[in-house]
Amino acid sequence: MTITLKIDNPDVEKRLLQFVKQQKQDLEEVVLEAIKKFVHTPTTKKFNYAKRDPRKYSRKIEYKDDMRDDLSDVTPYSHVTDSGAYVRGLRSKRNI
């Protein structure tokens, strides 16, 4: 496995090299230990957020004038006469 570390900030690079000298290890070893700690650290931190009242933050849906059609006579799936056959047909189309 090859890891490439690109540091654009020269100050960060100097501090990393100083830290490596203090640890008396290779740069690769220090970086690999940091990655291992990052990956294997369990996160027990819970998110703290306030729950909002949906009635307070909900908005009325505003329809445009051309969207105010009367759909009371429309019944969905009125073309289906045999629901079992309809579902089997949908499943067979999905598996193709």
Protein backbone atom coordinates (compact mmCIF):
# COMPACT_ATOMS: atom_id res chain seq x y z
CA MET A 1 0.00 0.00 0.00
CA THR A 2 1.27 3.43 -0.88
CA ILE A 3 0.22 6.55 1.00
CA THR A 4 0.89 9.98 -0.44
CA LEU A 5 0.73 12.94 1.92
CA LYS A 6 0.49 16.38 0.34
CA ILE A 7 1.00 19.32 2.69
CA ASP A 8 0.48 22.73 1.13
CA ASN A 9 1.16 24.71 4.30
CA PRO A 10 4.90 25.05 5.06
CA ASP A 11 4.25 25.71 8.76
CA VAL A 12 2.36 22.44 9.12
CA GLU A 13 5.14 20.64 7.31
CA LYS A 14 7.79 22.08 9.67
CA ARG A 15 5.74 21.15 12.74
CA LEU A 16 5.22 17.61 11.42
CA LEU A 17 8.93 17.15 10.79
CA GLN A 18 9.75 18.51 14.28
CA PHE A 19 7.25 16.08 15.79
CA VAL A 20 8.81 13.19 13.87
CA LYS A 21 12.27 14.16 15.17
CA GLN A 22 10.94 14.27 18.74
CA GLN A 23 9.41 10.81 18.35
CA LYS A 24 12.67 9.48 16.87
CA GLN A 25 10.76 7.51 14.25
CA ASP A 26 10.36 7.55 10.50
CA LEU A 27 7.78 9.84 8.99
CA GLU A 28 5.92 6.84 7.57
CA GLU A 29 5.62 5.21 11.00
CA VAL A 30 4.22 8.37 12.59
CA VAL A 31 1.68 8.87 9.81
CA LEU A 32 0.60 5.21 9.89
CA GLU A 33 0.12 5.36 13.68
CA ALA A 34 -2.00 8.49 13.28
CA ILE A 35 -4.13 6.82 10.61
CA LYS A 36 -4.55 3.70 12.77
CA LYS A 37 -5.67 5.80 15.73
CA PHE A 38 -8.08 7.74 13.52
CA VAL A 39 -9.59 4.60 12.00
CA HIS A 40 -9.82 2.51 15.17
CA THR A 41 -11.08 5.23 17.50
CA PRO A 42 -14.69 4.47 18.39
CA THR A 43 -16.98 7.44 18.16
CA THR A 44 -19.25 7.57 21.18
CA LYS A 45 -20.04 11.18 20.63
CA LYS A 46 -23.76 11.76 20.17
CA PHE A 47 -25.23 14.53 18.13
CA ASN A 48 -26.96 17.11 20.23
CA TYR A 49 -29.66 18.89 18.32
CA ALA A 50 -32.94 20.45 19.27
CA LYS A 51 -36.10 18.88 17.96
CA ARG A 52 -38.36 21.32 16.24
CA ASP A 53 -42.10 21.48 16.33
CA PRO A 54 -43.29 20.54 12.82
CA ARG A 55 -46.42 22.65 13.18
CA LYS A 56 -44.34 25.73 13.87
CA TYR A 57 -41.90 25.27 10.98
CA SER A 58 -44.21 23.81 8.35
CA ARG A 59 -45.54 25.96 5.57
CA LYS A 60 -48.71 25.82 3.59
CA ILE A 61 -48.17 24.48 0.11
CA GLU A 62 -48.82 27.18 -2.41
CA TYR A 63 -50.14 25.98 -5.75
CA LYS A 64 -50.01 27.91 -8.97
CA ASP A 65 -53.31 28.83 -10.60
CA ASP A 66 -52.86 26.29 -13.38
CA MET A 67 -52.38 23.49 -10.82
CA ARG A 68 -55.80 23.85 -9.24
CA ASP A 69 -57.48 21.15 -11.35
CA ASP A 70 -60.31 19.17 -9.82
CA LEU A 71 -58.99 15.63 -9.41
CA SER A 72 -61.88 14.23 -7.37
CA ASP A 73 -62.98 12.01 -10.27
CA VAL A 74 -59.51 10.47 -10.71
CA THR A 75 -59.08 7.07 -9.07
CA PRO A 76 -55.57 5.60 -9.16
CA TYR A 77 -55.18 2.04 -10.42
CA SER A 78 -58.71 1.99 -11.82
CA HIS A 79 -57.36 0.14 -14.86
CA VAL A 80 -56.39 -2.86 -12.68
CA THR A 81 -59.00 -5.60 -12.66
CA ASP A 82 -56.96 -8.46 -11.13
CA SER A 83 -54.56 -7.15 -8.46
CA GLY A 84 -52.67 -10.47 -8.15
CA ALA A 85 -51.95 -10.61 -11.87
CA TYR A 86 -50.96 -6.95 -11.85
CA VAL A 87 -48.43 -7.47 -9.04
CA ARG A 88 -47.02 -10.64 -10.64
CA GLY A 89 -46.56 -8.71 -13.88
CA LEU A 90 -44.73 -5.90 -12.08
CA ARG A 91 -42.45 -8.40 -10.33
CA SER A 92 -41.66 -10.23 -13.54
CA LYS A 93 -40.77 -6.94 -15.25
CA ARG A 94 -38.49 -6.02 -12.35
CA ASN A 95 -36.56 -9.31 -12.52
CA ILE A 96 -35.82 -9.06 -16.23
